[in-house]
Amino acid sequence: MLYNLIPLQEATQSNPYTGIIMIVVLIGIFYFFMIRPQQKRQKEIRKFREGIKNGDNVITAGGIYGRVREIKDNLFVIEIASGVKISVDKGSVYPSANDANIAAQENQNK
């Protein structure tokens, strides 16, 4: 009987591009499952901030609920209780939970 003996070096040698291909696949997975959803969320928040008008309910980054009473260049004046107003930077304002749920349902219906 003749056995076809393949040298050990040839049997263990694989495609030199396998490592690079795996790295590209991992980067693609990270992009679609982590980076892209975060970018979409930031885009929605930016869109909300641009569309805020007087009377909208908002939540600050510190967790304070209030209603927008005045819009200035870089800040909002928010009424948090009857006669109590605070000035908050535009970057630290988010939609209230109720408004966010309503907007999400409207987006699903489109």
PDB file of N, CA and C in Angstrom:
ATOM      1  N   MET A   1       0.815  -1.170   0.000  1.00  0.00           N
ATOM      2  CA  MET A   1       0.000   0.000   0.000  1.00  0.00           C
ATOM      3  C   MET A   1       0.867   1.244   0.000  1.00  0.00           C
ATOM      4  N   LEU A   2       0.411   2.180  -0.782  1.00  0.00           N
ATOM      5  CA  LEU A   2       1.130   3.437  -0.826  1.00  0.00           C
ATOM      6  C   LEU A   2       0.273   4.506  -0.142  1.00  0.00           C
ATOM      7  N   TYR A   3       0.881   5.151   0.779  1.00  0.00           N
ATOM      8  CA  TYR A   3       0.186   6.232   1.476  1.00  0.00           C
ATOM      9  C   TYR A   3       0.658   7.557   0.919  1.00  0.00           C
ATOM     10  N   ASN A   4      -0.295   8.425   0.745  1.00  0.00           N
ATOM     11  CA  ASN A   4       0.052   9.756   0.287  1.00  0.00           C
ATOM     12  C   ASN A   4       0.375  10.588   1.516  1.00  0.00           C
ATOM     13  N   LEU A   5       1.611  10.745   1.793  1.00  0.00           N
ATOM     14  CA  LEU A   5       2.043  11.481   2.978  1.00  0.00           C
ATOM     15  C   LEU A   5       2.263  12.948   2.617  1.00  0.00           C
ATOM     16  N   ILE A   6       1.485  13.776   3.258  1.00  0.00           N
ATOM     17  CA  ILE A   6       1.612  15.218   3.050  1.00  0.00           C
ATOM     18  C   ILE A   6       2.522  15.748   4.141  1.00  0.00           C
ATOM     19  N   PRO A   7       3.517  16.488   3.772  1.00  0.00           N
ATOM     20  CA  PRO A   7       4.387  17.044   4.804  1.00  0.00           C
ATOM     21  C   PRO A   7       3.576  17.881   5.795  1.00  0.00           C
ATOM     22  N   LEU A   8       3.990  17.849   7.049  1.00  0.00           N
ATOM     23  CA  LEU A   8       3.269  18.524   8.124  1.00  0.00           C
ATOM     24  C   LEU A   8       3.135  20.022   7.863  1.00  0.00           C
ATOM     25  N   GLN A   9       4.158  20.621   7.317  1.00  0.00           N
ATOM     26  CA  GLN A   9       4.130  22.059   7.081  1.00  0.00           C
ATOM     27  C   GLN A   9       3.025  22.436   6.087  1.00  0.00           C
ATOM     28  N   GLU A  10       2.837  21.665   5.039  1.00  0.00           N
ATOM     29  CA  GLU A  10       1.806  21.953   4.054  1.00  0.00           C
ATOM     30  C   GLU A  10       0.410  21.708   4.619  1.00  0.00           C
ATOM     31  N   ALA A  11       0.253  20.734   5.501  1.00  0.00           N
ATOM     32  CA  ALA A  11      -1.055  20.414   6.062  1.00  0.00           C
ATOM     33  C   ALA A  11      -1.543  21.492   7.017  1.00  0.00           C
ATOM     34  N   THR A  12      -0.668  22.134   7.748  1.00  0.00           N
ATOM     35  CA  THR A  12      -1.069  23.150   8.722  1.00  0.00           C
ATOM     36  C   THR A  12      -1.092  24.552   8.134  1.00  0.00           C
ATOM     37  N   GLN A  13      -0.570  24.722   6.955  1.00  0.00           N
ATOM     38  CA  GLN A  13      -0.521  26.044   6.347  1.00  0.00           C
ATOM     39  C   GLN A  13      -1.902  26.398   5.787  1.00  0.00           C
ATOM     40  N   SER A  14      -2.388  27.604   6.093  1.00  0.00           N
ATOM     41  CA  SER A  14      -3.687  28.025   5.593  1.00  0.00           C
ATOM     42  C   SER A  14      -3.551  29.310   4.797  1.00  0.00           C
ATOM     43  N   ASN A  15      -4.664  29.810   4.375  1.00  0.00           N
ATOM     44  CA  ASN A  15      -4.694  31.029   3.584  1.00  0.00           C
ATOM     45  C   ASN A  15      -4.113  32.181   4.405  1.00  0.00           C
ATOM     46  N   PRO A  16      -3.171  32.918   3.848  1.00  0.00           N
ATOM     47  CA  PRO A  16      -2.568  34.019   4.623  1.00  0.00           C
ATOM     48  C   PRO A  16      -3.530  35.176   4.881  1.00  0.00           C
ATOM     49  N   TYR A  17      -4.637  35.233   4.160  1.00  0.00           N
ATOM     50  CA  TYR A  17      -5.586  36.326   4.328  1.00  0.00           C
ATOM     51  C   TYR A  17      -6.697  36.013   5.330  1.00  0.00           C
ATOM     52  N   THR A  18      -6.696  34.848   5.913  1.00  0.00           N
ATOM     53  CA  THR A  18      -7.755  34.443   6.842  1.00  0.00           C
ATOM     54  C   THR A  18      -7.839  35.380   8.042  1.00  0.00           C
ATOM     55  N   GLY A  19      -6.714  35.730   8.599  1.00  0.00           N
ATOM     56  CA  GLY A  19      -6.686  36.635   9.757  1.00  0.00           C
ATOM     57  C   GLY A  19      -7.245  37.999   9.436  1.00  0.00           C
ATOM     58  N   ILE A  20      -6.867  38.526   8.283  1.00  0.00           N
ATOM     59  CA  ILE A  20      -7.356  39.844   7.868  1.00  0.00           C
ATOM     60  C   ILE A  20      -8.859  39.795   7.617  1.00  0.00           C
ATOM     61  N   ILE A  21      -9.320  38.731   6.988  1.00  0.00           N
ATOM     62  CA  ILE A  21     -10.750  38.587   6.706  1.00  0.00           C
ATOM     63  C   ILE A  21     -11.545  38.521   8.012  1.00  0.00           C
ATOM     64  N   MET A  22     -11.051  37.811   8.995  1.00  0.00           N
ATOM     65  CA  MET A  22     -11.742  37.714  10.285  1.00  0.00           C
ATOM     66  C   MET A  22     -11.818  39.076  10.982  1.00  0.00           C
ATOM     67  N   ILE A  23     -10.755  39.855  10.902  1.00  0.00           N
ATOM     68  CA  ILE A  23     -10.753  41.189  11.513  1.00  0.00           C
ATOM     69  C   ILE A  23     -11.782  42.086  10.826  1.00  0.00           C
ATOM     70  N   VAL A  24     -11.856  42.027   9.498  1.00  0.00           N
ATOM     71  CA  VAL A  24     -12.832  42.833   8.757  1.00  0.00           C
ATOM     72  C   VAL A  24     -14.253  42.414   9.132  1.00  0.00           C
ATOM     73  N   VAL A  25     -14.488  41.115   9.267  1.00  0.00           N
ATOM     74  CA  VAL A  25     -15.812  40.622   9.651  1.00  0.00           C
ATOM     75  C   VAL A  25     -16.179  41.113  11.049  1.00  0.00           C
ATOM     76  N   LEU A  26     -15.246  41.070  11.989  1.00  0.00           N
ATOM     77  CA  LEU A  26     -15.513  41.553  13.347  1.00  0.00           C
ATOM     78  C   LEU A  26     -15.821  43.048  13.362  1.00  0.00           C
ATOM     79  N   ILE A  27     -15.092  43.823  12.586  1.00  0.00           N
ATOM     80  CA  ILE A  27     -15.353  45.261  12.510  1.00  0.00           C
ATOM     81  C   ILE A  27     -16.747  45.499  11.940  1.00  0.00           C
ATOM     82  N   GLY A  28     -17.133  44.728  10.925  1.00  0.00           N
ATOM     83  CA  GLY A  28     -18.478  44.851  10.356  1.00  0.00           C
ATOM     84  C   GLY A  28     -19.557  44.524  11.367  1.00  0.00           C
ATOM     85  N   ILE A  29     -19.351  43.481  12.154  1.00  0.00           N
ATOM     86  CA  ILE A  29     -20.314  43.103  13.187  1.00  0.00           C
ATOM     87  C   ILE A  29     -20.439  44.212  14.223  1.00  0.00           C
ATOM     88  N   PHE A  30     -19.300  44.755  14.692  1.00  0.00           N
ATOM     89  CA  PHE A  30     -19.347  45.848  15.664  1.00  0.00           C
ATOM     90  C   PHE A  30     -20.073  47.056  15.093  1.00  0.00           C
ATOM     91  N   TYR A  31     -19.837  47.345  13.817  1.00  0.00           N
ATOM     92  CA  TYR A  31     -20.482  48.506  13.213  1.00  0.00           C
ATOM     93  C   TYR A  31     -22.001  48.343  13.205  1.00  0.00           C
ATOM     94  N   PHE A  32     -22.485  47.207  12.727  1.00  0.00           N
ATOM     95  CA  PHE A  32     -23.929  47.029  12.576  1.00  0.00           C
ATOM     96  C   PHE A  32     -24.659  46.793  13.891  1.00  0.00           C
ATOM     97  N   PHE A  33     -23.989  46.283  14.907  1.00  0.00           N
ATOM     98  CA  PHE A  33     -24.680  46.010  16.166  1.00  0.00           C
ATOM     99  C   PHE A  33     -24.410  47.033  17.264  1.00  0.00           C
ATOM    100  N   MET A  34     -23.379  47.865  17.117  1.00  0.00           N
ATOM    101  CA  MET A  34     -23.073  48.814  18.183  1.00  0.00           C
ATOM    102  C   MET A  34     -23.007  50.255  17.682  1.00  0.00           C
ATOM    103  N   ILE A  35     -22.248  50.511  16.654  1.00  0.00           N
ATOM    104  CA  ILE A  35     -22.000  51.889  16.222  1.00  0.00           C
ATOM    105  C   ILE A  35     -23.208  52.464  15.490  1.00  0.00           C
ATOM    106  N   ARG A  36     -23.759  51.734  14.542  1.00  0.00           N
ATOM    107  CA  ARG A  36     -24.877  52.245  13.751  1.00  0.00           C
ATOM    108  C   ARG A  36     -26.110  52.556  14.590  1.00  0.00           C
ATOM    109  N   PRO A  37     -26.549  51.674  15.504  1.00  0.00           N
ATOM    110  CA  PRO A  37     -27.713  52.027  16.331  1.00  0.00           C
ATOM    111  C   PRO A  37     -27.475  53.263  17.196  1.00  0.00           C
ATOM    112  N   GLN A  38     -26.245  53.420  17.703  1.00  0.00           N
ATOM    113  CA  GLN A  38     -25.932  54.597  18.514  1.00  0.00           C
ATOM    114  C   GLN A  38     -26.015  55.866  17.671  1.00  0.00           C
ATOM    115  N   GLN A  39     -25.530  55.809  16.439  1.00  0.00           N
ATOM    116  CA  GLN A  39     -25.608  56.977  15.562  1.00  0.00           C
ATOM    117  C   GLN A  39     -27.059  57.332  15.245  1.00  0.00           C
ATOM    118  N   LYS A  40     -27.913  56.322  15.038  1.00  0.00           N
ATOM    119  CA  LYS A  40     -29.329  56.580  14.780  1.00  0.00           C
ATOM    120  C   LYS A  40     -29.985  57.237  15.988  1.00  0.00           C
ATOM    121  N   ARG A  41     -29.651  56.762  17.184  1.00  0.00           N
ATOM    122  CA  ARG A  41     -30.221  57.325  18.410  1.00  0.00           C
ATOM    123  C   ARG A  41     -29.794  58.781  18.570  1.00  0.00           C
ATOM    124  N   GLN A  42     -28.509  59.081  18.318  1.00  0.00           N
ATOM    125  CA  GLN A  42     -28.029  60.457  18.426  1.00  0.00           C
ATOM    126  C   GLN A  42     -28.703  61.360  17.395  1.00  0.00           C
ATOM    127  N   LYS A  43     -28.944  60.830  16.205  1.00  0.00           N
ATOM    128  CA  LYS A  43     -29.611  61.613  15.169  1.00  0.00           C
ATOM    129  C   LYS A  43     -31.042  61.955  15.584  1.00  0.00           C
ATOM    130  N   GLU A  44     -31.753  60.991  16.199  1.00  0.00           N
ATOM    131  CA  GLU A  44     -33.114  61.240  16.663  1.00  0.00           C
ATOM    132  C   GLU A  44     -33.143  62.282  17.776  1.00  0.00           C
ATOM    133  N   ILE A  45     -32.190  62.219  18.695  1.00  0.00           N
ATOM    134  CA  ILE A  45     -32.133  63.196  19.782  1.00  0.00           C
ATOM    135  C   ILE A  45     -31.837  64.584  19.228  1.00  0.00           C
ATOM    136  N   ARG A  46     -30.902  64.676  18.276  1.00  0.00           N
ATOM    137  CA  ARG A  46     -30.579  65.966  17.662  1.00  0.00           C
ATOM    138  C   ARG A  46     -31.807  66.536  16.943  1.00  0.00           C
ATOM    139  N   LYS A  47     -32.544  65.665  16.240  1.00  0.00           N
ATOM    140  CA  LYS A  47     -33.755  66.088  15.536  1.00  0.00           C
ATOM    141  C   LYS A  47     -34.798  66.597  16.531  1.00  0.00           C
ATOM    142  N   PHE A  48     -34.939  65.901  17.672  1.00  0.00           N
ATOM    143  CA  PHE A  48     -35.887  66.333  18.696  1.00  0.00           C
ATOM    144  C   PHE A  48     -35.507  67.703  19.236  1.00  0.00           C
ATOM    145  N   ARG A  49     -34.227  67.905  19.548  1.00  0.00           N
ATOM    146  CA  ARG A  49     -33.783  69.178  20.118  1.00  0.00           C
ATOM    147  C   ARG A  49     -34.027  70.341  19.165  1.00  0.00           C
ATOM    148  N   GLU A  50     -33.864  70.091  17.870  1.00  0.00           N
ATOM    149  CA  GLU A  50     -34.103  71.153  16.895  1.00  0.00           C
ATOM    150  C   GLU A  50     -35.590  71.478  16.774  1.00  0.00           C
ATOM    151  N   GLY A  51     -36.453  70.521  17.101  1.00  0.00           N
ATOM    152  CA  GLY A  51     -37.884  70.719  16.948  1.00  0.00           C
ATOM    153  C   GLY A  51     -38.607  71.141  18.221  1.00  0.00           C
ATOM    154  N   ILE A  52     -37.871  71.361  19.306  1.00  0.00           N
ATOM    155  CA  ILE A  52     -38.507  71.759  20.564  1.00  0.00           C
ATOM    156  C   ILE A  52     -39.102  73.156  20.420  1.00  0.00           C
ATOM    157  N   LYS A  53     -40.300  73.306  20.941  1.00  0.00           N
ATOM    158  CA  LYS A  53     -40.957  74.619  20.936  1.00  0.00           C
ATOM    159  C   LYS A  53     -41.519  74.890  22.327  1.00  0.00           C
ATOM    160  N   ASN A  54     -41.967  76.092  22.547  1.00  0.00           N
ATOM    161  CA  ASN A  54     -42.531  76.455  23.846  1.00  0.00           C
ATOM    162  C   ASN A  54     -43.705  75.544  24.188  1.00  0.00           C
ATOM    163  N   GLY A  55     -43.740  75.099  25.438  1.00  0.00           N
ATOM    164  CA  GLY A  55     -44.819  74.249  25.901  1.00  0.00           C
ATOM    165  C   GLY A  55     -44.516  72.763  25.841  1.00  0.00           C
ATOM    166  N   ASP A  56     -43.401  72.358  25.222  1.00  0.00           N
ATOM    167  CA  ASP A  56     -43.057  70.933  25.152  1.00  0.00           C
ATOM    168  C   ASP A  56     -42.555  70.443  26.507  1.00  0.00           C
ATOM    169  N   ASN A  57     -42.918  69.214  26.848  1.00  0.00           N
ATOM    170  CA  ASN A  57     -42.417  68.582  28.068  1.00  0.00           C
ATOM    171  C   ASN A  57     -41.066  67.938  27.778  1.00  0.00           C
ATOM    172  N   VAL A  58     -40.112  68.155  28.670  1.00  0.00           N
ATOM    173  CA  VAL A  58     -38.764  67.622  28.488  1.00  0.00           C
ATOM    174  C   VAL A  58     -38.225  67.083  29.807  1.00  0.00           C
ATOM    175  N   ILE A  59     -37.123  66.359  29.702  1.00  0.00           N
ATOM    176  CA  ILE A  59     -36.379  65.881  30.867  1.00  0.00           C
ATOM    177  C   ILE A  59     -34.943  66.358  30.690  1.00  0.00           C
ATOM    178  N   THR A  60     -34.346  66.889  31.749  1.00  0.00           N
ATOM    179  CA  THR A  60     -32.954  67.288  31.671  1.00  0.00           C
ATOM    180  C   THR A  60     -32.065  66.078  31.921  1.00  0.00           C
ATOM    181  N   ALA A  61     -30.778  66.235  31.635  1.00  0.00           N
ATOM    182  CA  ALA A  61     -29.822  65.147  31.863  1.00  0.00           C
ATOM    183  C   ALA A  61     -29.746  64.798  33.340  1.00  0.00           C
ATOM    184  N   GLY A  62     -30.099  65.725  34.208  1.00  0.00           N
ATOM    185  CA  GLY A  62     -30.096  65.473  35.651  1.00  0.00           C
ATOM    186  C   GLY A  62     -31.369  64.817  36.147  1.00  0.00           C
ATOM    187  N   GLY A  63     -32.339  64.602  35.253  1.00  0.00           N
ATOM    188  CA  GLY A  63     -33.565  63.923  35.630  1.00  0.00           C
ATOM    189  C   GLY A  63     -34.680  64.843  36.074  1.00  0.00           C
ATOM    190  N   ILE A  64     -34.579  66.120  35.760  1.00  0.00           N
ATOM    191  CA  ILE A  64     -35.612  67.082  36.145  1.00  0.00           C
ATOM    192  C   ILE A  64     -36.640  67.188  35.022  1.00  0.00           C
ATOM    193  N   TYR A  65     -37.896  66.969  35.373  1.00  0.00           N
ATOM    194  CA  TYR A  65     -38.992  67.089  34.412  1.00  0.00           C
ATOM    195  C   TYR A  65     -39.484  68.531  34.402  1.00  0.00           C
ATOM    196  N   GLY A  66     -39.806  69.025  33.219  1.00  0.00           N
ATOM    197  CA  GLY A  66     -40.323  70.385  33.142  1.00  0.00           C
ATOM    198  C   GLY A  66     -40.931  70.671  31.787  1.00  0.00           C
ATOM    199  N   ARG A  67     -41.356  71.909  31.627  1.00  0.00           N
ATOM    200  CA  ARG A  67     -41.981  72.362  30.390  1.00  0.00           C
ATOM    201  C   ARG A  67     -41.188  73.563  29.878  1.00  0.00           C
ATOM    202  N   VAL A  68     -40.883  73.548  28.580  1.00  0.00           N
ATOM    203  CA  VAL A  68     -40.109  74.633  27.974  1.00  0.00           C
ATOM    204  C   VAL A  68     -40.954  75.895  27.950  1.00  0.00           C
ATOM    205  N   ARG A  69     -40.395  76.969  28.478  1.00  0.00           N
ATOM    206  CA  ARG A  69     -41.096  78.255  28.500  1.00  0.00           C
ATOM    207  C   ARG A  69     -40.450  79.284  27.588  1.00  0.00           C
ATOM    208  N   GLU A  70     -39.140  79.131  27.341  1.00  0.00           N
ATOM    209  CA  GLU A  70     -38.445  80.104  26.508  1.00  0.00           C
ATOM    210  C   GLU A  70     -37.255  79.418  25.853  1.00  0.00           C
ATOM    211  N   ILE A  71     -36.987  79.779  24.598  1.00  0.00           N
ATOM    212  CA  ILE A  71     -35.862  79.208  23.867  1.00  0.00           C
ATOM    213  C   ILE A  71     -34.907  80.343  23.531  1.00  0.00           C
ATOM    214  N   LYS A  72     -33.647  80.188  23.959  1.00  0.00           N
ATOM    215  CA  LYS A  72     -32.606  81.174  23.659  1.00  0.00           C
ATOM    216  C   LYS A  72     -31.578  80.510  22.752  1.00  0.00           C
ATOM    217  N   ASP A  73     -30.480  81.210  22.487  1.00  0.00           N
ATOM    218  CA  ASP A  73     -29.467  80.690  21.558  1.00  0.00           C
ATOM    219  C   ASP A  73     -28.958  79.304  21.956  1.00  0.00           C
ATOM    220  N   ASN A  74     -28.394  79.194  23.150  1.00  0.00           N
ATOM    221  CA  ASN A  74     -27.773  77.939  23.571  1.00  0.00           C
ATOM    222  C   ASN A  74     -28.458  77.288  24.762  1.00  0.00           C
ATOM    223  N   LEU A  75     -29.614  77.803  25.141  1.00  0.00           N
ATOM    224  CA  LEU A  75     -30.254  77.218  26.313  1.00  0.00           C
ATOM    225  C   LEU A  75     -31.765  77.329  26.250  1.00  0.00           C
ATOM    226  N   PHE A  76     -32.383  76.543  27.109  1.00  0.00           N
ATOM    227  CA  PHE A  76     -33.825  76.569  27.286  1.00  0.00           C
ATOM    228  C   PHE A  76     -34.128  77.064  28.686  1.00  0.00           C
ATOM    229  N   VAL A  77     -35.208  77.819  28.825  1.00  0.00           N
ATOM    230  CA  VAL A  77     -35.727  78.161  30.144  1.00  0.00           C
ATOM    231  C   VAL A  77     -36.883  77.207  30.376  1.00  0.00           C
ATOM    232  N   ILE A  78     -36.736  76.397  31.425  1.00  0.00           N
ATOM    233  CA  ILE A  78     -37.709  75.346  31.712  1.00  0.00           C
ATOM    234  C   ILE A  78     -38.402  75.641  33.030  1.00  0.00           C
ATOM    235  N   GLU A  79     -39.724  75.540  33.029  1.00  0.00           N
ATOM    236  CA  GLU A  79     -40.499  75.707  34.255  1.00  0.00           C
ATOM    237  C   GLU A  79     -40.679  74.321  34.872  1.00  0.00           C
ATOM    238  N   ILE A  80     -40.131  74.163  36.093  1.00  0.00           N
ATOM    239  CA  ILE A  80     -40.199  72.853  36.746  1.00  0.00           C
ATOM    240  C   ILE A  80     -41.292  72.783  37.800  1.00  0.00           C
ATOM    241  N   ALA A  81     -41.783  73.923  38.217  1.00  0.00           N
ATOM    242  CA  ALA A  81     -42.919  74.013  39.147  1.00  0.00           C
ATOM    243  C   ALA A  81     -43.565  75.370  38.896  1.00  0.00           C
ATOM    244  N   SER A  82     -44.691  75.596  39.483  1.00  0.00           N
ATOM    245  CA  SER A  82     -45.386  76.847  39.283  1.00  0.00           C
ATOM    246  C   SER A  82     -44.506  78.017  39.736  1.00  0.00           C
ATOM    247  N   GLY A  83     -44.071  78.834  38.782  1.00  0.00           N
ATOM    248  CA  GLY A  83     -43.252  79.997  39.088  1.00  0.00           C
ATOM    249  C   GLY A  83     -41.769  79.699  39.269  1.00  0.00           C
ATOM    250  N   VAL A  84     -41.325  78.447  39.145  1.00  0.00           N
ATOM    251  CA  VAL A  84     -39.918  78.087  39.303  1.00  0.00           C
ATOM    252  C   VAL A  84     -39.354  77.758  37.933  1.00  0.00           C
ATOM    253  N   LYS A  85     -38.399  78.582  37.486  1.00  0.00           N
ATOM    254  CA  LYS A  85     -37.804  78.399  36.163  1.00  0.00           C
ATOM    255  C   LYS A  85     -36.306  78.207  36.296  1.00  0.00           C
ATOM    256  N   ILE A  86     -35.765  77.327  35.442  1.00  0.00           N
ATOM    257  CA  ILE A  86     -34.320  77.119  35.407  1.00  0.00           C
ATOM    258  C   ILE A  86     -33.855  77.245  33.967  1.00  0.00           C
ATOM    259  N   SER A  87     -32.592  77.622  33.798  1.00  0.00           N
ATOM    260  CA  SER A  87     -31.981  77.681  32.477  1.00  0.00           C
ATOM    261  C   SER A  87     -31.123  76.439  32.296  1.00  0.00           C
ATOM    262  N   VAL A  88     -31.306  75.775  31.169  1.00  0.00           N
ATOM    263  CA  VAL A  88     -30.610  74.510  30.919  1.00  0.00           C
ATOM    264  C   VAL A  88     -29.994  74.558  29.529  1.00  0.00           C
ATOM    265  N   ASP A  89     -28.782  74.058  29.400  1.00  0.00           N
ATOM    266  CA  ASP A  89     -28.102  73.975  28.110  1.00  0.00           C
ATOM    267  C   ASP A  89     -28.893  73.075  27.160  1.00  0.00           C
ATOM    268  N   LYS A  90     -28.910  73.428  25.873  1.00  0.00           N
ATOM    269  CA  LYS A  90     -29.675  72.646  24.901  1.00  0.00           C
ATOM    270  C   LYS A  90     -29.197  71.204  24.801  1.00  0.00           C
ATOM    271  N   GLY A  91     -27.933  70.966  25.055  1.00  0.00           N
ATOM    272  CA  GLY A  91     -27.382  69.620  24.939  1.00  0.00           C
ATOM    273  C   GLY A  91     -27.789  68.682  26.049  1.00  0.00           C
ATOM    274  N   SER A  92     -28.408  69.202  27.093  1.00  0.00           N
ATOM    275  CA  SER A  92     -28.771  68.339  28.222  1.00  0.00           C
ATOM    276  C   SER A  92     -30.279  68.168  28.366  1.00  0.00           C
ATOM    277  N   VAL A  93     -30.989  68.286  27.236  1.00  0.00           N
ATOM    278  CA  VAL A  93     -32.444  68.150  27.257  1.00  0.00           C
ATOM    279  C   VAL A  93     -32.849  66.972  26.379  1.00  0.00           C
ATOM    280  N   TYR A  94     -33.756  66.149  26.900  1.00  0.00           N
ATOM    281  CA  TYR A  94     -34.243  64.969  26.199  1.00  0.00           C
ATOM    282  C   TYR A  94     -35.768  64.981  26.209  1.00  0.00           C
ATOM    283  N   PRO A  95     -36.390  64.249  25.292  1.00  0.00           N
ATOM    284  CA  PRO A  95     -37.857  64.209  25.305  1.00  0.00           C
ATOM    285  C   PRO A  95     -38.367  63.499  26.549  1.00  0.00           C
ATOM    286  N   SER A  96     -39.528  63.899  27.019  1.00  0.00           N
ATOM    287  CA  SER A  96     -40.109  63.201  28.169  1.00  0.00           C
ATOM    288  C   SER A  96     -40.511  61.803  27.732  1.00  0.00           C
ATOM    289  N   ALA A  97     -40.709  60.909  28.677  1.00  0.00           N
ATOM    290  CA  ALA A  97     -41.022  59.515  28.365  1.00  0.00           C
ATOM    291  C   ALA A  97     -42.302  59.409  27.542  1.00  0.00           C
ATOM    292  N   ASN A  98     -43.312  60.179  27.891  1.00  0.00           N
ATOM    293  CA  ASN A  98     -44.579  60.135  27.150  1.00  0.00           C
ATOM    294  C   ASN A  98     -44.400  60.619  25.717  1.00  0.00           C
ATOM    295  N   ASP A  99     -43.681  61.735  25.550  1.00  0.00           N
ATOM    296  CA  ASP A  99     -43.448  62.260  24.212  1.00  0.00           C
ATOM    297  C   ASP A  99     -42.617  61.292  23.383  1.00  0.00           C
ATOM    298  N   ALA A 100     -41.637  60.653  23.997  1.00  0.00           N
ATOM    299  CA  ALA A 100     -40.798  59.694  23.277  1.00  0.00           C
ATOM    300  C   ALA A 100     -41.611  58.494  22.826  1.00  0.00           C
ATOM    301  N   ASN A 101     -42.527  58.011  23.674  1.00  0.00           N
ATOM    302  CA  ASN A 101     -43.376  56.879  23.294  1.00  0.00           C
ATOM    303  C   ASN A 101     -44.309  57.243  22.145  1.00  0.00           C
ATOM    304  N   ILE A 102     -44.871  58.428  22.196  1.00  0.00           N
ATOM    305  CA  ILE A 102     -45.765  58.877  21.123  1.00  0.00           C
ATOM    306  C   ILE A 102     -45.004  58.994  19.800  1.00  0.00           C
ATOM    307  N   ALA A 103     -43.806  59.564  19.847  1.00  0.00           N
ATOM    308  CA  ALA A 103     -42.996  59.712  18.629  1.00  0.00           C
ATOM    309  C   ALA A 103     -42.589  58.346  18.076  1.00  0.00           C
ATOM    310  N   ALA A 104     -42.268  57.399  18.957  1.00  0.00           N
ATOM    311  CA  ALA A 104     -41.899  56.051  18.512  1.00  0.00           C
ATOM    312  C   ALA A 104     -43.066  55.360  17.831  1.00  0.00           C
ATOM    313  N   GLN A 105     -44.276  55.539  18.367  1.00  0.00           N
ATOM    314  CA  GLN A 105     -45.448  54.929  17.751  1.00  0.00           C
ATOM    315  C   GLN A 105     -45.760  55.557  16.403  1.00  0.00           C
ATOM    316  N   GLU A 106     -45.549  56.868  16.286  1.00  0.00           N
ATOM    317  CA  GLU A 106     -45.769  57.529  15.004  1.00  0.00           C
ATOM    318  C   GLU A 106     -44.776  57.050  13.955  1.00  0.00           C
ATOM    319  N   ASN A 107     -43.516  56.830  14.367  1.00  0.00           N
ATOM    320  CA  ASN A 107     -42.508  56.343  13.440  1.00  0.00           C
ATOM    321  C   ASN A 107     -42.812  54.919  12.976  1.00  0.00           C
ATOM    322  N   GLN A 108     -43.385  54.102  13.851  1.00  0.00           N
ATOM    323  CA  GLN A 108     -43.730  52.733  13.484  1.00  0.00           C
ATOM    324  C   GLN A 108     -44.904  52.701  12.506  1.00  0.00           C
ATOM    325  N   ASN A 109     -45.806  53.651  12.628  1.00  0.00           N
ATOM    326  CA  ASN A 109     -46.979  53.688  11.755  1.00  0.00           C
ATOM    327  C   ASN A 109     -46.655  54.186  10.349  1.00  0.00           C
ATOM    328  N   LYS A 110     -45.528  54.853  10.183  1.00  0.00           N
ATOM    329  CA  LYS A 110     -45.160  55.404   8.874  1.00  0.00           C
ATOM    330  C   LYS A 110     -44.742  54.332   7.913  1.00  0.00           C
TER     331      LYS A 110
END
